[in-house]
């Protein structure tokens, strides 16, 4: 439970970083001001597009495998967004936010895993712990933005995305230690 809460705090920061910076960076990089918020829309599309595949991976290979696959998208999200800012590539930035959305799709399911792995009488406590990790993500993400946004002049937010990738990597390491039951043959057959 504690591992899922820590992973939630680190991984949940991804969404805060994208929501805080997406429109600003989009406005800076977009070929037209009308496209300024497209990166945030692409983030949401990435989240929606990857929810079902993440569920399919979880059903077939277990939640832990789905968590690691999704969290593995968090590092490339930041590592693509940083050079997109440096190179001035709007479309590369949109690709990065799609990966960020894929990452967010998996992060949203951490609380379900917490509820599944404890007896019914302990579920409220398990859910509270993981949701508290989400509250900490609401602090971690904005702090990443505030403390790193101008570390790489003149490329506003380039260092922020490197920091976001840096937060995604330990989240994956924390999830390596999560022990969740594998799906049964009946669950796989569906």
N, C-alpha and C. Protein backbone atom coordinates (compact mmCIF):
# COMPACT_ATOMS: atom_id res chain seq x y z
N UNK A 1 0.82 -1.18 0.00
CA UNK A 1 0.00 0.00 0.00
C UNK A 1 0.87 1.26 0.00
N UNK A 2 1.91 1.26 0.84
CA UNK A 2 2.80 2.43 0.91
C UNK A 2 3.51 2.65 -0.42
N UNK A 3 3.90 1.56 -1.06
CA UNK A 3 4.57 1.70 -2.36
C UNK A 3 3.66 2.34 -3.39
N UNK A 4 2.40 1.92 -3.39
CA UNK A 4 1.45 2.52 -4.34
C UNK A 4 1.23 4.00 -4.03
N UNK A 5 1.22 4.36 -2.76
CA UNK A 5 1.04 5.77 -2.39
C UNK A 5 2.24 6.60 -2.85
N UNK A 6 3.45 6.08 -2.66
CA UNK A 6 4.66 6.80 -3.10
C UNK A 6 4.68 6.89 -4.62
N UNK A 7 4.36 5.78 -5.29
CA UNK A 7 4.32 5.80 -6.76
C UNK A 7 3.28 6.80 -7.26
N UNK A 8 2.14 6.88 -6.57
CA UNK A 8 1.10 7.85 -6.95
C UNK A 8 1.62 9.27 -6.82
N UNK A 9 2.35 9.55 -5.74
CA UNK A 9 2.87 10.91 -5.53
C UNK A 9 3.86 11.29 -6.62
N UNK A 10 4.74 10.36 -6.98
CA UNK A 10 5.75 10.65 -8.01
C UNK A 10 5.14 10.67 -9.40
N UNK A 11 4.35 9.65 -9.72
CA UNK A 11 3.79 9.53 -11.06
C UNK A 11 2.68 10.55 -11.31
N UNK A 12 1.92 10.85 -10.29
CA UNK A 12 0.84 11.81 -10.46
C UNK A 12 1.34 13.21 -10.77
N UNK A 13 2.58 13.48 -10.43
CA UNK A 13 3.16 14.79 -10.74
C UNK A 13 3.19 15.05 -12.25
N UNK A 14 3.23 13.99 -13.05
CA UNK A 14 3.24 14.10 -14.50
C UNK A 14 2.07 14.94 -14.99
N UNK A 15 0.87 14.63 -14.51
CA UNK A 15 -0.31 15.36 -14.95
C UNK A 15 -0.23 16.83 -14.57
N UNK A 16 0.21 17.10 -13.35
CA UNK A 16 0.33 18.50 -12.90
C UNK A 16 1.31 19.27 -13.77
N UNK A 17 2.41 18.63 -14.16
CA UNK A 17 3.40 19.30 -15.01
C UNK A 17 2.78 19.62 -16.36
N UNK A 18 2.08 18.66 -16.95
CA UNK A 18 1.48 18.90 -18.28
C UNK A 18 0.39 19.97 -18.21
N UNK A 19 -0.47 19.89 -17.21
CA UNK A 19 -1.54 20.88 -17.10
C UNK A 19 -1.00 22.28 -16.81
N UNK A 20 0.09 22.36 -16.04
CA UNK A 20 0.66 23.67 -15.71
C UNK A 20 1.44 24.29 -16.86
N UNK A 21 2.02 23.48 -17.72
CA UNK A 21 2.91 24.00 -18.75
C UNK A 21 2.40 23.83 -20.17
N UNK A 22 1.49 22.89 -20.38
CA UNK A 22 1.09 22.51 -21.74
C UNK A 22 0.64 23.65 -22.62
N UNK A 23 -0.24 24.51 -22.11
CA UNK A 23 -0.75 25.61 -22.94
C UNK A 23 0.30 26.69 -23.15
N UNK A 24 1.14 26.91 -22.14
CA UNK A 24 2.20 27.93 -22.28
C UNK A 24 3.21 27.48 -23.33
N UNK A 25 3.68 26.25 -23.19
CA UNK A 25 4.64 25.72 -24.18
C UNK A 25 3.95 25.60 -25.54
N UNK A 26 2.70 25.13 -25.53
CA UNK A 26 1.96 25.04 -26.79
C UNK A 26 1.86 26.37 -27.50
N UNK A 27 1.57 27.43 -26.75
CA UNK A 27 1.48 28.77 -27.35
C UNK A 27 2.83 29.21 -27.92
N UNK A 28 3.90 28.87 -27.22
CA UNK A 28 5.25 29.24 -27.67
C UNK A 28 5.64 28.50 -28.94
N UNK A 29 5.28 27.23 -29.03
CA UNK A 29 5.74 26.39 -30.14
C UNK A 29 4.76 26.27 -31.31
N UNK A 30 3.49 26.51 -31.07
CA UNK A 30 2.45 26.24 -32.08
C UNK A 30 2.64 27.09 -33.33
N UNK A 31 2.38 26.50 -34.49
CA UNK A 31 2.45 27.26 -35.73
C UNK A 31 1.32 28.29 -35.84
N UNK A 32 0.29 28.12 -35.01
CA UNK A 32 -0.84 29.06 -34.98
C UNK A 32 -1.33 29.17 -33.54
N UNK A 33 -1.71 30.36 -33.10
CA UNK A 33 -2.24 30.50 -31.73
C UNK A 33 -3.46 29.62 -31.47
N UNK A 34 -4.19 29.27 -32.50
CA UNK A 34 -5.37 28.41 -32.35
C UNK A 34 -5.00 27.01 -31.87
N UNK A 35 -3.74 26.63 -32.04
CA UNK A 35 -3.29 25.29 -31.63
C UNK A 35 -2.63 25.26 -30.25
N UNK A 36 -2.63 26.36 -29.55
CA UNK A 36 -1.89 26.48 -28.29
C UNK A 36 -2.27 25.43 -27.26
N UNK A 37 -3.54 25.07 -27.18
CA UNK A 37 -3.96 24.09 -26.18
C UNK A 37 -4.03 22.66 -26.71
N UNK A 38 -3.63 22.47 -27.95
CA UNK A 38 -3.64 21.12 -28.52
C UNK A 38 -2.80 20.13 -27.70
N UNK A 39 -1.63 20.50 -27.17
CA UNK A 39 -0.88 19.53 -26.37
C UNK A 39 -1.66 18.98 -25.17
N UNK A 40 -2.46 19.80 -24.53
CA UNK A 40 -3.27 19.32 -23.41
C UNK A 40 -4.36 18.39 -23.92
N UNK A 41 -4.94 18.72 -25.06
CA UNK A 41 -5.95 17.83 -25.66
C UNK A 41 -5.33 16.50 -26.05
N UNK A 42 -4.12 16.53 -26.58
CA UNK A 42 -3.42 15.29 -26.95
C UNK A 42 -3.13 14.46 -25.70
N UNK A 43 -2.80 15.13 -24.59
CA UNK A 43 -2.60 14.43 -23.32
C UNK A 43 -3.87 13.66 -22.93
N UNK A 44 -5.00 14.32 -23.02
CA UNK A 44 -6.28 13.69 -22.67
C UNK A 44 -6.60 12.55 -23.63
N UNK A 45 -6.31 12.75 -24.92
CA UNK A 45 -6.53 11.68 -25.90
C UNK A 45 -5.60 10.50 -25.59
N UNK A 46 -4.36 10.77 -25.23
CA UNK A 46 -3.44 9.70 -24.85
C UNK A 46 -3.96 8.92 -23.66
N UNK A 47 -4.53 9.63 -22.70
CA UNK A 47 -5.09 8.97 -21.53
C UNK A 47 -6.25 8.07 -21.95
N UNK A 48 -7.14 8.61 -22.77
CA UNK A 48 -8.31 7.84 -23.21
C UNK A 48 -7.90 6.66 -24.10
N UNK A 49 -6.96 6.89 -25.00
CA UNK A 49 -6.54 5.84 -25.94
C UNK A 49 -5.82 4.70 -25.23
N UNK A 50 -5.20 4.96 -24.12
CA UNK A 50 -4.39 3.93 -23.46
C UNK A 50 -5.06 3.28 -22.26
N UNK A 51 -6.25 3.71 -21.91
CA UNK A 51 -6.96 3.11 -20.78
C UNK A 51 -7.32 1.65 -21.07
N UNK A 52 -7.92 1.38 -22.21
CA UNK A 52 -8.30 0.00 -22.54
C UNK A 52 -7.08 -0.90 -22.74
N UNK A 53 -6.05 -0.47 -23.48
CA UNK A 53 -4.87 -1.33 -23.57
C UNK A 53 -4.23 -1.62 -22.21
N UNK A 54 -4.21 -0.62 -21.33
CA UNK A 54 -3.65 -0.85 -19.99
C UNK A 54 -4.48 -1.88 -19.25
N UNK A 55 -5.79 -1.80 -19.39
CA UNK A 55 -6.66 -2.79 -18.76
C UNK A 55 -6.46 -4.18 -19.34
N UNK A 56 -6.24 -4.25 -20.65
CA UNK A 56 -6.00 -5.55 -21.29
C UNK A 56 -4.68 -6.16 -20.80
N UNK A 57 -3.66 -5.33 -20.65
CA UNK A 57 -2.38 -5.83 -20.12
C UNK A 57 -2.57 -6.32 -18.69
N UNK A 58 -3.32 -5.56 -17.90
CA UNK A 58 -3.56 -5.95 -16.50
C UNK A 58 -4.33 -7.26 -16.42
N UNK A 59 -5.32 -7.41 -17.27
CA UNK A 59 -6.10 -8.64 -17.24
C UNK A 59 -5.28 -9.85 -17.70
N UNK A 60 -4.43 -9.64 -18.65
CA UNK A 60 -3.65 -10.76 -19.21
C UNK A 60 -2.39 -11.07 -18.40
N UNK A 61 -1.70 -10.02 -17.94
CA UNK A 61 -0.39 -10.21 -17.31
C UNK A 61 -0.31 -9.72 -15.86
N UNK A 62 -1.39 -9.14 -15.39
CA UNK A 62 -1.42 -8.63 -14.02
C UNK A 62 -1.26 -7.12 -13.97
N UNK A 63 -1.76 -6.55 -12.88
CA UNK A 63 -1.71 -5.09 -12.73
C UNK A 63 -0.27 -4.58 -12.67
N UNK A 64 0.60 -5.32 -12.02
CA UNK A 64 1.99 -4.86 -11.90
C UNK A 64 2.61 -4.66 -13.29
N UNK A 65 2.37 -5.60 -14.20
CA UNK A 65 2.89 -5.48 -15.56
C UNK A 65 2.31 -4.24 -16.25
N UNK A 66 1.02 -4.00 -16.05
CA UNK A 66 0.39 -2.81 -16.65
C UNK A 66 0.97 -1.54 -16.04
N UNK A 67 1.19 -1.56 -14.73
CA UNK A 67 1.77 -0.38 -14.06
C UNK A 67 3.16 -0.08 -14.62
N UNK A 68 3.96 -1.12 -14.77
CA UNK A 68 5.33 -0.91 -15.26
C UNK A 68 5.34 -0.47 -16.72
N UNK A 69 4.44 -1.04 -17.52
CA UNK A 69 4.36 -0.64 -18.93
C UNK A 69 3.93 0.82 -19.04
N UNK A 70 2.94 1.20 -18.26
CA UNK A 70 2.47 2.59 -18.30
C UNK A 70 3.49 3.56 -17.74
N UNK A 71 4.10 3.19 -16.63
CA UNK A 71 5.09 4.06 -16.02
C UNK A 71 6.31 4.19 -16.92
N UNK A 72 6.55 3.17 -17.72
CA UNK A 72 7.63 3.24 -18.70
C UNK A 72 7.39 4.29 -19.78
N UNK A 73 6.19 4.83 -19.86
CA UNK A 73 5.88 5.91 -20.80
C UNK A 73 6.17 7.27 -20.18
N UNK A 74 6.31 7.32 -18.88
CA UNK A 74 6.56 8.59 -18.20
C UNK A 74 7.93 9.16 -18.48
N UNK A 75 8.93 8.29 -18.53
CA UNK A 75 10.28 8.77 -18.82
C UNK A 75 10.38 9.30 -20.24
N UNK A 76 9.92 8.55 -21.26
CA UNK A 76 9.97 9.10 -22.62
C UNK A 76 9.14 10.38 -22.79
N UNK A 77 8.06 10.51 -22.02
CA UNK A 77 7.26 11.74 -22.11
C UNK A 77 8.13 12.95 -21.80
N UNK A 78 8.86 12.88 -20.71
CA UNK A 78 9.73 14.00 -20.35
C UNK A 78 10.93 14.14 -21.27
N UNK A 79 11.48 12.98 -21.66
CA UNK A 79 12.67 13.02 -22.52
C UNK A 79 12.36 13.46 -23.95
N UNK A 80 11.11 13.38 -24.37
CA UNK A 80 10.70 13.93 -25.67
C UNK A 80 10.31 15.40 -25.56
N UNK A 81 9.67 15.74 -24.44
CA UNK A 81 9.21 17.12 -24.27
C UNK A 81 10.37 18.10 -24.15
N UNK A 82 11.42 17.73 -23.44
CA UNK A 82 12.57 18.64 -23.25
C UNK A 82 13.21 19.02 -24.59
N UNK A 83 13.58 18.05 -25.45
CA UNK A 83 14.15 18.46 -26.74
C UNK A 83 13.13 19.16 -27.64
N UNK A 84 11.85 18.84 -27.47
CA UNK A 84 10.83 19.56 -28.25
C UNK A 84 10.88 21.04 -27.93
N UNK A 85 11.04 21.37 -26.66
CA UNK A 85 11.14 22.78 -26.25
C UNK A 85 12.41 23.39 -26.81
N UNK A 86 13.53 22.68 -26.66
CA UNK A 86 14.82 23.20 -27.12
C UNK A 86 14.84 23.39 -28.63
N UNK A 87 14.28 22.42 -29.36
CA UNK A 87 14.28 22.48 -30.82
C UNK A 87 13.13 23.32 -31.39
N UNK A 88 12.17 23.66 -30.54
CA UNK A 88 11.01 24.43 -31.02
C UNK A 88 10.06 23.59 -31.84
N UNK A 89 9.95 22.28 -31.53
CA UNK A 89 9.12 21.38 -32.30
C UNK A 89 7.77 21.15 -31.62
N UNK A 90 6.75 21.79 -32.16
CA UNK A 90 5.40 21.66 -31.62
C UNK A 90 4.90 20.23 -31.71
N UNK A 91 5.12 19.57 -32.83
CA UNK A 91 4.58 18.23 -33.03
C UNK A 91 5.30 17.20 -32.16
N UNK A 92 6.58 17.38 -31.92
CA UNK A 92 7.29 16.50 -30.99
C UNK A 92 6.75 16.71 -29.57
N UNK A 93 6.44 17.95 -29.24
CA UNK A 93 5.86 18.23 -27.92
C UNK A 93 4.50 17.54 -27.80
N UNK A 94 3.69 17.57 -28.84
CA UNK A 94 2.40 16.88 -28.82
C UNK A 94 2.60 15.37 -28.65
N UNK A 95 3.59 14.79 -29.32
CA UNK A 95 3.88 13.36 -29.13
C UNK A 95 4.25 13.08 -27.67
N UNK A 96 5.04 13.98 -27.09
CA UNK A 96 5.43 13.81 -25.70
C UNK A 96 4.22 13.85 -24.78
N UNK A 97 3.28 14.74 -25.04
CA UNK A 97 2.10 14.82 -24.18
C UNK A 97 1.19 13.60 -24.37
N UNK A 98 1.21 12.99 -25.56
CA UNK A 98 0.48 11.74 -25.75
C UNK A 98 1.05 10.66 -24.83
N UNK A 99 2.39 10.54 -24.79
CA UNK A 99 3.03 9.59 -23.88
C UNK A 99 2.69 9.92 -22.43
N UNK A 100 2.65 11.20 -22.12
CA UNK A 100 2.26 11.61 -20.77
C UNK A 100 0.84 11.17 -20.44
N UNK A 101 -0.05 11.23 -21.41
CA UNK A 101 -1.42 10.75 -21.21
C UNK A 101 -1.47 9.25 -21.01
N UNK A 102 -0.65 8.52 -21.77
CA UNK A 102 -0.57 7.06 -21.58
C UNK A 102 -0.12 6.73 -20.17
N UNK A 103 0.84 7.48 -19.69
CA UNK A 103 1.35 7.33 -18.33
C UNK A 103 0.25 7.62 -17.32
N UNK A 104 -0.47 8.70 -17.52
CA UNK A 104 -1.55 9.09 -16.60
C UNK A 104 -2.67 8.05 -16.57
N UNK A 105 -2.94 7.40 -17.70
CA UNK A 105 -4.00 6.39 -17.74
C UNK A 105 -3.73 5.27 -16.75
N UNK A 106 -2.49 4.89 -16.63
CA UNK A 106 -2.12 3.81 -15.72
C UNK A 106 -2.12 4.29 -14.27
N UNK A 107 -1.63 5.49 -14.06
CA UNK A 107 -1.55 6.04 -12.71
C UNK A 107 -2.94 6.10 -12.07
N UNK A 108 -3.94 6.36 -12.86
CA UNK A 108 -5.31 6.46 -12.33
C UNK A 108 -5.80 5.14 -11.74
N UNK A 109 -5.18 4.04 -12.10
CA UNK A 109 -5.66 2.74 -11.61
C UNK A 109 -4.91 2.24 -10.37
N UNK A 110 -3.96 3.01 -9.85
CA UNK A 110 -3.24 2.56 -8.65
C UNK A 110 -4.19 2.31 -7.49
N UNK A 111 -5.19 3.16 -7.34
CA UNK A 111 -6.10 3.01 -6.19
C UNK A 111 -6.90 1.72 -6.27
N UNK A 112 -7.21 1.26 -7.47
CA UNK A 112 -7.95 0.01 -7.59
C UNK A 112 -7.10 -1.17 -7.14
N UNK A 113 -5.83 -1.12 -7.45
CA UNK A 113 -4.92 -2.17 -7.00
C UNK A 113 -4.82 -2.18 -5.48
N UNK A 114 -4.80 -1.01 -4.88
CA UNK A 114 -4.73 -0.93 -3.42
C UNK A 114 -5.98 -1.55 -2.81
N UNK A 115 -7.12 -1.31 -3.39
CA UNK A 115 -8.37 -1.88 -2.87
C UNK A 115 -8.44 -3.38 -3.09
N UNK A 116 -7.89 -3.86 -4.19
CA UNK A 116 -7.94 -5.29 -4.52
C UNK A 116 -7.05 -6.15 -3.63
N UNK A 117 -6.00 -5.57 -3.08
CA UNK A 117 -5.03 -6.41 -2.39
C UNK A 117 -5.21 -6.47 -0.89
N UNK A 118 -6.26 -5.87 -0.36
CA UNK A 118 -6.50 -5.91 1.08
C UNK A 118 -7.90 -6.46 1.37
N UNK A 119 -8.12 -6.99 2.58
CA UNK A 119 -9.47 -7.44 2.95
C UNK A 119 -10.46 -6.26 2.93
N UNK A 120 -11.72 -6.58 2.78
CA UNK A 120 -12.76 -5.56 2.64
C UNK A 120 -12.74 -4.53 3.77
N UNK A 121 -12.48 -4.95 4.99
CA UNK A 121 -12.50 -4.01 6.11
C UNK A 121 -11.34 -3.02 6.07
N UNK A 122 -10.29 -3.32 5.31
CA UNK A 122 -9.14 -2.41 5.22
C UNK A 122 -9.14 -1.58 3.94
N UNK A 123 -10.12 -1.76 3.08
CA UNK A 123 -10.15 -1.03 1.80
C UNK A 123 -10.20 0.48 1.96
N UNK A 124 -11.02 1.00 2.85
CA UNK A 124 -11.03 2.47 2.98
C UNK A 124 -9.66 3.04 3.34
N UNK A 125 -8.93 2.36 4.20
CA UNK A 125 -7.59 2.82 4.60
C UNK A 125 -6.62 2.73 3.42
N UNK A 126 -6.71 1.65 2.66
CA UNK A 126 -5.84 1.48 1.49
C UNK A 126 -6.11 2.56 0.45
N UNK A 127 -7.39 2.80 0.19
CA UNK A 127 -7.75 3.84 -0.77
C UNK A 127 -7.29 5.21 -0.29
N UNK A 128 -7.45 5.47 0.99
CA UNK A 128 -7.02 6.75 1.55
C UNK A 128 -5.52 6.96 1.39
N UNK A 129 -4.76 5.90 1.60
CA UNK A 129 -3.30 6.02 1.49
C UNK A 129 -2.90 6.38 0.06
N UNK A 130 -3.48 5.70 -0.91
CA UNK A 130 -3.12 5.97 -2.31
C UNK A 130 -3.65 7.34 -2.74
N UNK A 131 -4.83 7.69 -2.28
CA UNK A 131 -5.36 9.01 -2.61
C UNK A 131 -4.52 10.12 -1.96
N UNK A 132 -3.96 9.86 -0.79
CA UNK A 132 -3.04 10.82 -0.17
C UNK A 132 -1.81 11.01 -1.04
N UNK A 133 -1.37 9.93 -1.68
CA UNK A 133 -0.26 10.05 -2.63
C UNK A 133 -0.64 11.00 -3.76
N UNK A 134 -1.90 10.97 -4.18
CA UNK A 134 -2.37 11.89 -5.20
C UNK A 134 -2.35 13.34 -4.73
N UNK A 135 -2.64 13.54 -3.45
CA UNK A 135 -2.57 14.89 -2.89
C UNK A 135 -1.12 15.38 -2.93
N UNK A 136 -0.19 14.50 -2.56
CA UNK A 136 1.23 14.87 -2.61
C UNK A 136 1.67 15.14 -4.06
N UNK A 137 1.09 14.43 -5.01
CA UNK A 137 1.40 14.69 -6.42
C UNK A 137 1.00 16.11 -6.80
N UNK A 138 -0.08 16.59 -6.19
CA UNK A 138 -0.52 17.96 -6.42
C UNK A 138 0.45 18.99 -5.87
N UNK A 139 1.33 18.57 -5.00
CA UNK A 139 2.39 19.44 -4.48
C UNK A 139 3.68 19.22 -5.27
N UNK A 140 4.01 17.96 -5.53
CA UNK A 140 5.26 17.62 -6.23
C UNK A 140 5.29 18.21 -7.64
N UNK A 141 4.20 18.04 -8.39
CA UNK A 141 4.16 18.54 -9.77
C UNK A 141 4.39 20.03 -9.88
N UNK A 142 3.61 20.85 -9.16
CA UNK A 142 3.84 22.29 -9.23
C UNK A 142 5.23 22.71 -8.72
N UNK A 143 5.75 21.99 -7.74
CA UNK A 143 7.10 22.31 -7.26
C UNK A 143 8.15 22.01 -8.33
N UNK A 144 7.94 20.91 -9.07
CA UNK A 144 8.85 20.62 -10.19
C UNK A 144 8.85 21.78 -11.18
N UNK A 145 7.65 22.27 -11.48
CA UNK A 145 7.53 23.37 -12.44
C UNK A 145 8.19 24.63 -11.90
N UNK A 146 7.84 25.00 -10.68
CA UNK A 146 8.34 26.25 -10.09
C UNK A 146 9.85 26.27 -9.96
N UNK A 147 10.41 25.16 -9.52
CA UNK A 147 11.85 25.13 -9.24
C UNK A 147 12.73 24.88 -10.47
N UNK A 148 12.13 24.44 -11.58
CA UNK A 148 12.95 24.08 -12.74
C UNK A 148 12.61 24.86 -14.00
N UNK A 149 11.56 25.64 -14.00
CA UNK A 149 11.07 26.23 -15.25
C UNK A 149 12.10 27.11 -15.97
N UNK A 150 12.97 27.75 -15.25
CA UNK A 150 13.93 28.64 -15.91
C UNK A 150 15.38 28.23 -15.68
N UNK A 151 15.59 26.94 -15.46
CA UNK A 151 16.96 26.45 -15.24
C UNK A 151 17.77 26.31 -16.53
N UNK A 152 17.10 26.34 -17.68
CA UNK A 152 17.79 26.13 -18.96
C UNK A 152 17.46 27.29 -19.90
N UNK A 153 17.98 28.51 -19.57
CA UNK A 153 17.66 29.65 -20.42
C UNK A 153 18.24 29.47 -21.81
N UNK A 154 17.60 29.88 -22.81
CA UNK A 154 16.30 30.56 -22.88
C UNK A 154 15.13 29.59 -23.06
N UNK A 155 15.33 28.33 -22.77
CA UNK A 155 14.32 27.30 -23.05
C UNK A 155 13.43 27.06 -21.83
N UNK A 156 12.45 27.93 -21.68
CA UNK A 156 11.53 27.86 -20.56
C UNK A 156 10.86 26.48 -20.51
N UNK A 157 10.93 25.84 -19.38
CA UNK A 157 10.32 24.54 -19.06
C UNK A 157 11.07 23.33 -19.60
N UNK A 158 12.15 23.49 -20.34
CA UNK A 158 12.89 22.32 -20.83
C UNK A 158 13.40 21.49 -19.65
N UNK A 159 13.95 22.13 -18.65
CA UNK A 159 14.45 21.42 -17.47
C UNK A 159 13.30 20.81 -16.67
N UNK A 160 12.14 21.42 -16.74
CA UNK A 160 10.96 20.89 -16.04
C UNK A 160 10.62 19.51 -16.56
N UNK A 161 10.69 19.34 -17.86
CA UNK A 161 10.35 18.05 -18.43
C UNK A 161 11.42 17.00 -18.13
N UNK A 162 12.66 17.42 -18.03
CA UNK A 162 13.70 16.49 -17.59
C UNK A 162 13.45 16.07 -16.14
N UNK A 163 13.02 17.01 -15.31
CA UNK A 163 12.68 16.70 -13.92
C UNK A 163 11.47 15.77 -13.85
N UNK A 164 10.52 15.98 -14.73
CA UNK A 164 9.34 15.09 -14.78
C UNK A 164 9.78 13.67 -15.13
N UNK A 165 10.68 13.53 -16.08
CA UNK A 165 11.21 12.21 -16.42
C UNK A 165 11.97 11.64 -15.22
N UNK A 166 12.66 12.52 -14.52
CA UNK A 166 13.39 12.10 -13.33
C UNK A 166 12.47 11.64 -12.21
N UNK A 167 11.27 12.14 -12.14
CA UNK A 167 10.29 11.68 -11.14
C UNK A 167 9.63 10.37 -11.59
N UNK A 168 9.53 10.17 -12.89
CA UNK A 168 8.90 8.94 -13.40
C UNK A 168 9.78 7.72 -13.15
N UNK A 169 11.08 7.87 -13.27
CA UNK A 169 11.98 6.72 -13.09
C UNK A 169 11.90 6.12 -11.69
N UNK A 170 11.98 6.91 -10.61
CA UNK A 170 11.85 6.29 -9.29
C UNK A 170 10.45 5.73 -9.03
N UNK A 171 9.45 6.30 -9.68
CA UNK A 171 8.11 5.73 -9.55
C UNK A 171 8.09 4.30 -10.07
N UNK A 172 8.74 4.08 -11.20
CA UNK A 172 8.83 2.72 -11.76
C UNK A 172 9.61 1.80 -10.82
N UNK A 173 10.68 2.31 -10.24
CA UNK A 173 11.47 1.49 -9.31
C UNK A 173 10.64 1.11 -8.08
N UNK A 174 9.84 2.05 -7.58
CA UNK A 174 8.97 1.75 -6.44
C UNK A 174 7.96 0.68 -6.82
N UNK A 175 7.43 0.76 -8.03
CA UNK A 175 6.43 -0.22 -8.47
C UNK A 175 7.01 -1.61 -8.67
N UNK A 176 8.31 -1.70 -8.90
CA UNK A 176 8.94 -3.03 -9.03
C UNK A 176 8.73 -3.86 -7.76
N UNK A 177 8.65 -3.19 -6.62
CA UNK A 177 8.47 -3.89 -5.36
C UNK A 177 7.03 -4.18 -4.98
N UNK A 178 6.07 -3.76 -5.79
CA UNK A 178 4.66 -4.00 -5.48
C UNK A 178 4.33 -5.45 -5.84
N UNK A 179 3.76 -6.14 -4.90
CA UNK A 179 3.34 -7.53 -5.12
C UNK A 179 1.83 -7.57 -5.25
N UNK A 180 1.38 -7.92 -6.42
CA UNK A 180 -0.05 -8.01 -6.69
C UNK A 180 -0.34 -9.40 -7.25
N UNK A 181 -1.52 -9.93 -6.97
CA UNK A 181 -1.84 -11.27 -7.49
C UNK A 181 -1.94 -11.27 -9.02
N UNK A 182 -1.50 -12.37 -9.59
CA UNK A 182 -1.64 -12.54 -11.04
C UNK A 182 -3.08 -12.90 -11.35
N UNK A 183 -3.55 -12.54 -12.54
CA UNK A 183 -4.93 -12.89 -12.89
C UNK A 183 -5.10 -14.41 -13.02
N UNK A 184 -6.28 -14.87 -12.67
CA UNK A 184 -6.57 -16.29 -12.80
C UNK A 184 -6.90 -16.60 -14.26
N UNK A 185 -6.94 -17.88 -14.60
CA UNK A 185 -7.26 -18.29 -15.97
C UNK A 185 -8.65 -17.81 -16.36
N UNK A 186 -9.58 -17.82 -15.41
CA UNK A 186 -10.94 -17.35 -15.69
C UNK A 186 -10.96 -15.86 -15.99
N UNK A 187 -10.14 -15.08 -15.26
CA UNK A 187 -10.08 -13.64 -15.49
C UNK A 187 -9.45 -13.35 -16.85
N UNK A 188 -8.44 -14.12 -17.23
CA UNK A 188 -7.79 -13.93 -18.54
C UNK A 188 -8.76 -14.25 -19.66
N UNK A 189 -9.52 -15.32 -19.52
CA UNK A 189 -10.47 -15.73 -20.55
C UNK A 189 -11.59 -14.71 -20.70
N UNK A 190 -11.85 -13.97 -19.61
CA UNK A 190 -12.68 -12.84 -19.65
C UNK A 190 -14.11 -12.91 -19.65
